Every structure is written in structure tokens, then in C-alpha cells.
N, C-alpha and C. Protein backbone atom coordinates (compact mmCIF):
# COMPACT_ATOMS: atom_id res chain seq x y z
N MET A 1 101.71 89.36 101.15
CA MET A 1 100.35 89.84 101.28
C MET A 1 100.23 91.26 100.72
N ARG A 2 101.26 92.06 100.97
CA ARG A 2 101.23 93.43 100.48
C ARG A 2 101.17 93.48 98.96
N TRP A 3 101.88 92.55 98.29
CA TRP A 3 101.86 92.50 96.83
C TRP A 3 100.49 92.15 96.30
N LEU A 4 99.78 91.27 97.00
CA LEU A 4 98.44 90.89 96.56
C LEU A 4 97.48 92.07 96.62
N ILE A 5 97.74 93.01 97.52
CA ILE A 5 96.87 94.17 97.67
C ILE A 5 97.28 95.29 96.71
N LEU A 6 98.59 95.55 96.60
CA LEU A 6 99.06 96.70 95.84
C LEU A 6 99.23 96.44 94.34
N LEU A 7 99.50 95.20 93.96
CA LEU A 7 99.78 94.91 92.56
C LEU A 7 98.61 95.23 91.62
N PRO A 8 97.37 94.92 91.95
CA PRO A 8 96.28 95.26 91.03
C PRO A 8 95.88 96.74 91.06
N GLY A 9 96.49 97.53 91.93
CA GLY A 9 96.10 98.93 92.04
C GLY A 9 96.37 99.76 90.80
N GLY A 10 97.54 99.58 90.19
CA GLY A 10 97.89 100.34 88.98
C GLY A 10 96.98 100.03 87.80
N PRO A 11 96.88 98.75 87.41
CA PRO A 11 95.96 98.43 86.32
C PRO A 11 94.50 98.77 86.64
N GLY A 12 94.12 98.62 87.89
CA GLY A 12 92.75 98.96 88.28
C GLY A 12 92.47 100.44 88.14
N ALA A 13 93.45 101.26 88.49
CA ALA A 13 93.29 102.71 88.33
C ALA A 13 93.18 103.10 86.86
N LEU A 14 94.00 102.46 86.03
CA LEU A 14 93.92 102.74 84.59
C LEU A 14 92.57 102.30 84.02
N LEU A 15 92.12 101.12 84.39
CA LEU A 15 90.83 100.64 83.92
C LEU A 15 89.69 101.51 84.42
N GLY A 16 89.75 101.92 85.69
CA GLY A 16 88.71 102.79 86.23
C GLY A 16 88.68 104.15 85.55
N GLY A 17 89.85 104.70 85.26
CA GLY A 17 89.90 105.98 84.55
C GLY A 17 89.37 105.87 83.14
N TRP A 18 89.72 104.77 82.47
CA TRP A 18 89.23 104.57 81.11
C TRP A 18 87.71 104.39 81.11
N LEU A 19 87.20 103.57 82.04
CA LEU A 19 85.75 103.37 82.12
C LEU A 19 85.03 104.68 82.45
N GLY A 20 85.57 105.44 83.40
CA GLY A 20 84.96 106.71 83.76
C GLY A 20 84.93 107.69 82.62
N ASP A 21 85.95 107.65 81.77
CA ASP A 21 86.02 108.56 80.64
C ASP A 21 85.08 108.14 79.50
N HIS A 22 84.93 106.84 79.29
CA HIS A 22 84.17 106.37 78.14
C HIS A 22 82.71 106.04 78.42
N VAL A 23 82.39 105.58 79.62
CA VAL A 23 81.00 105.21 79.89
C VAL A 23 80.36 106.08 80.97
N GLY A 24 81.14 106.92 81.62
CA GLY A 24 80.61 107.80 82.64
C GLY A 24 81.02 107.35 84.04
N LEU A 25 81.08 108.32 84.93
CA LEU A 25 81.55 108.06 86.28
C LEU A 25 80.61 107.14 87.06
N ARG A 26 79.32 107.40 86.97
CA ARG A 26 78.36 106.57 87.72
C ARG A 26 78.38 105.13 87.25
N SER A 27 78.47 104.92 85.95
CA SER A 27 78.51 103.56 85.42
C SER A 27 79.80 102.86 85.83
N ALA A 28 80.91 103.58 85.84
CA ALA A 28 82.19 102.99 86.24
C ALA A 28 82.16 102.61 87.72
N LEU A 29 81.60 103.48 88.56
CA LEU A 29 81.49 103.16 89.98
C LEU A 29 80.54 102.01 90.24
N ALA A 30 79.46 101.95 89.49
CA ALA A 30 78.52 100.84 89.62
C ALA A 30 79.19 99.53 89.19
N PHE A 31 79.95 99.56 88.12
CA PHE A 31 80.67 98.37 87.67
C PHE A 31 81.68 97.92 88.72
N GLY A 32 82.43 98.85 89.26
CA GLY A 32 83.43 98.51 90.28
C GLY A 32 82.80 97.94 91.54
N GLY A 33 81.71 98.54 91.99
CA GLY A 33 81.03 98.03 93.17
C GLY A 33 80.42 96.65 92.96
N THR A 34 79.84 96.45 91.78
CA THR A 34 79.26 95.15 91.46
C THR A 34 80.35 94.09 91.36
N ALA A 35 81.45 94.42 90.71
CA ALA A 35 82.55 93.47 90.57
C ALA A 35 83.14 93.11 91.94
N ALA A 36 83.31 94.10 92.82
CA ALA A 36 83.84 93.83 94.15
C ALA A 36 82.89 92.95 94.96
N SER A 37 81.60 93.22 94.85
CA SER A 37 80.62 92.40 95.57
C SER A 37 80.60 90.96 95.05
N LEU A 38 80.69 90.79 93.74
CA LEU A 38 80.71 89.44 93.17
C LEU A 38 81.98 88.69 93.57
N LEU A 39 83.11 89.37 93.57
CA LEU A 39 84.35 88.72 93.99
C LEU A 39 84.31 88.34 95.46
N ALA A 40 83.72 89.18 96.31
CA ALA A 40 83.58 88.84 97.73
C ALA A 40 82.66 87.64 97.91
N LEU A 41 81.60 87.57 97.13
CA LEU A 41 80.68 86.44 97.21
C LEU A 41 81.36 85.15 96.75
N VAL A 42 82.12 85.22 95.68
CA VAL A 42 82.85 84.04 95.20
C VAL A 42 83.87 83.59 96.25
N ALA A 43 84.61 84.53 96.83
CA ALA A 43 85.60 84.19 97.85
C ALA A 43 84.94 83.58 99.08
N TRP A 44 83.78 84.08 99.45
CA TRP A 44 83.07 83.58 100.62
C TRP A 44 82.59 82.14 100.40
N ARG A 45 82.24 81.82 99.17
CA ARG A 45 81.72 80.49 98.85
C ARG A 45 82.82 79.46 98.62
N LEU A 46 84.07 79.86 98.51
CA LEU A 46 85.16 78.91 98.27
C LEU A 46 85.32 77.98 99.48
N PRO A 47 85.46 76.68 99.25
CA PRO A 47 85.60 75.76 100.38
C PRO A 47 86.89 75.96 101.16
N VAL A 48 87.94 76.48 100.52
CA VAL A 48 89.20 76.71 101.22
C VAL A 48 89.00 77.75 102.33
N ILE A 49 88.30 78.80 102.03
CA ILE A 49 88.08 79.87 103.00
C ILE A 49 87.04 79.45 104.05
N ARG A 50 86.01 78.76 103.63
CA ARG A 50 84.96 78.36 104.57
C ARG A 50 85.42 77.29 105.54
N SER A 51 86.46 76.53 105.21
CA SER A 51 86.92 75.46 106.08
C SER A 51 87.85 75.95 107.18
N ILE A 52 88.32 77.18 107.12
CA ILE A 52 89.23 77.70 108.13
C ILE A 52 88.43 78.05 109.38
N LYS A 53 88.74 77.39 110.48
CA LYS A 53 88.05 77.63 111.74
C LYS A 53 88.90 78.42 112.72
N VAL A 54 90.24 78.27 112.62
CA VAL A 54 91.16 78.93 113.54
C VAL A 54 92.22 79.65 112.71
N LEU A 55 92.55 80.86 113.11
CA LEU A 55 93.59 81.60 112.41
C LEU A 55 94.95 80.96 112.66
N PRO A 56 95.81 80.89 111.66
CA PRO A 56 97.15 80.33 111.87
C PRO A 56 97.97 81.23 112.79
N THR A 57 98.87 80.63 113.54
CA THR A 57 99.73 81.39 114.46
C THR A 57 101.16 81.35 113.96
N LEU A 58 101.93 82.36 114.36
CA LEU A 58 103.34 82.43 114.00
C LEU A 58 104.20 81.75 115.05
N LYS A 59 105.34 81.23 114.62
CA LYS A 59 106.30 80.67 115.56
C LYS A 59 107.01 81.82 116.27
N ALA A 60 107.60 81.53 117.43
CA ALA A 60 108.24 82.58 118.24
C ALA A 60 109.37 83.26 117.49
N GLU A 61 110.17 82.50 116.72
CA GLU A 61 111.29 83.12 116.01
C GLU A 61 110.82 84.00 114.85
N ALA A 62 109.62 83.77 114.35
CA ALA A 62 109.09 84.61 113.28
C ALA A 62 108.55 85.92 113.83
N ILE A 63 108.18 85.95 115.09
CA ILE A 63 107.60 87.16 115.68
C ILE A 63 108.69 88.17 116.02
N THR A 64 109.81 87.71 116.60
CA THR A 64 110.88 88.62 117.01
C THR A 64 112.21 88.19 116.39
N PRO A 65 112.37 88.34 115.08
CA PRO A 65 113.61 87.88 114.46
C PRO A 65 114.82 88.75 114.76
N TYR A 66 114.62 90.01 115.15
CA TYR A 66 115.74 90.93 115.36
C TYR A 66 115.96 91.24 116.82
N SER A 67 115.41 90.45 117.73
CA SER A 67 115.53 90.77 119.15
C SER A 67 116.96 90.58 119.65
N ALA A 68 117.79 89.77 118.98
CA ALA A 68 119.16 89.55 119.43
C ALA A 68 120.12 90.59 118.88
N ASP A 69 119.69 91.44 117.98
CA ASP A 69 120.57 92.47 117.41
C ASP A 69 120.85 93.55 118.45
N PRO A 70 122.07 94.10 118.45
CA PRO A 70 122.37 95.19 119.38
C PRO A 70 121.59 96.45 118.99
N PRO A 71 121.34 97.32 119.95
CA PRO A 71 120.60 98.56 119.63
C PRO A 71 121.43 99.48 118.74
N ILE A 72 120.73 100.23 117.89
CA ILE A 72 121.40 101.16 116.99
C ILE A 72 121.75 102.43 117.78
N VAL A 73 123.01 102.84 117.69
CA VAL A 73 123.47 104.01 118.42
C VAL A 73 123.80 105.09 117.40
N ASN A 74 123.29 106.30 117.63
CA ASN A 74 123.59 107.41 116.75
C ASN A 74 124.96 107.98 117.10
N ARG A 75 125.90 107.89 116.17
CA ARG A 75 127.28 108.34 116.43
C ARG A 75 127.59 109.54 115.56
N LEU A 76 127.19 110.71 116.00
CA LEU A 76 127.49 111.95 115.28
C LEU A 76 128.54 112.74 115.97
């Protein structure tokens, strides 16, 4: 999930900087806001997302995978 959020950040920053430099800051911000709103609308209309009624739950072993490990002791 973290990769899905962070991966487009670098190219998006480069594109935003280029747009801000060539077409102006207000136009670049308007483009970014419009694009984000359109993507949210498309995602909202997808049947995969609209069909989810209950959030998925994790299994017990996925929640506490390191609970059996001994505690870390500082040995200085």
C-alpha cells in the first residue's frame, strides 16, 4: 500500500514543477485539483469499490507476528 502512495510522488513532483514553470502556478494547481477530482470520481464509480460493504479483517497471526520473539535487551 505504501508503494502505491509513494511511487507516483517523484514523477508527480517533476510534472508539477514543469507545469508550474511553463504554464503558471495557478494553472498547474487547477490542473492537479481537477485531475485528482476526476480520478476520485472514477474510483467512486468503479463497481469493485462500490460493491465492498464490509472492510476485510486480518487473521490473528498477521496482527501479532513477532509476539513470540524474546524482548530485546540492551547489553552495553
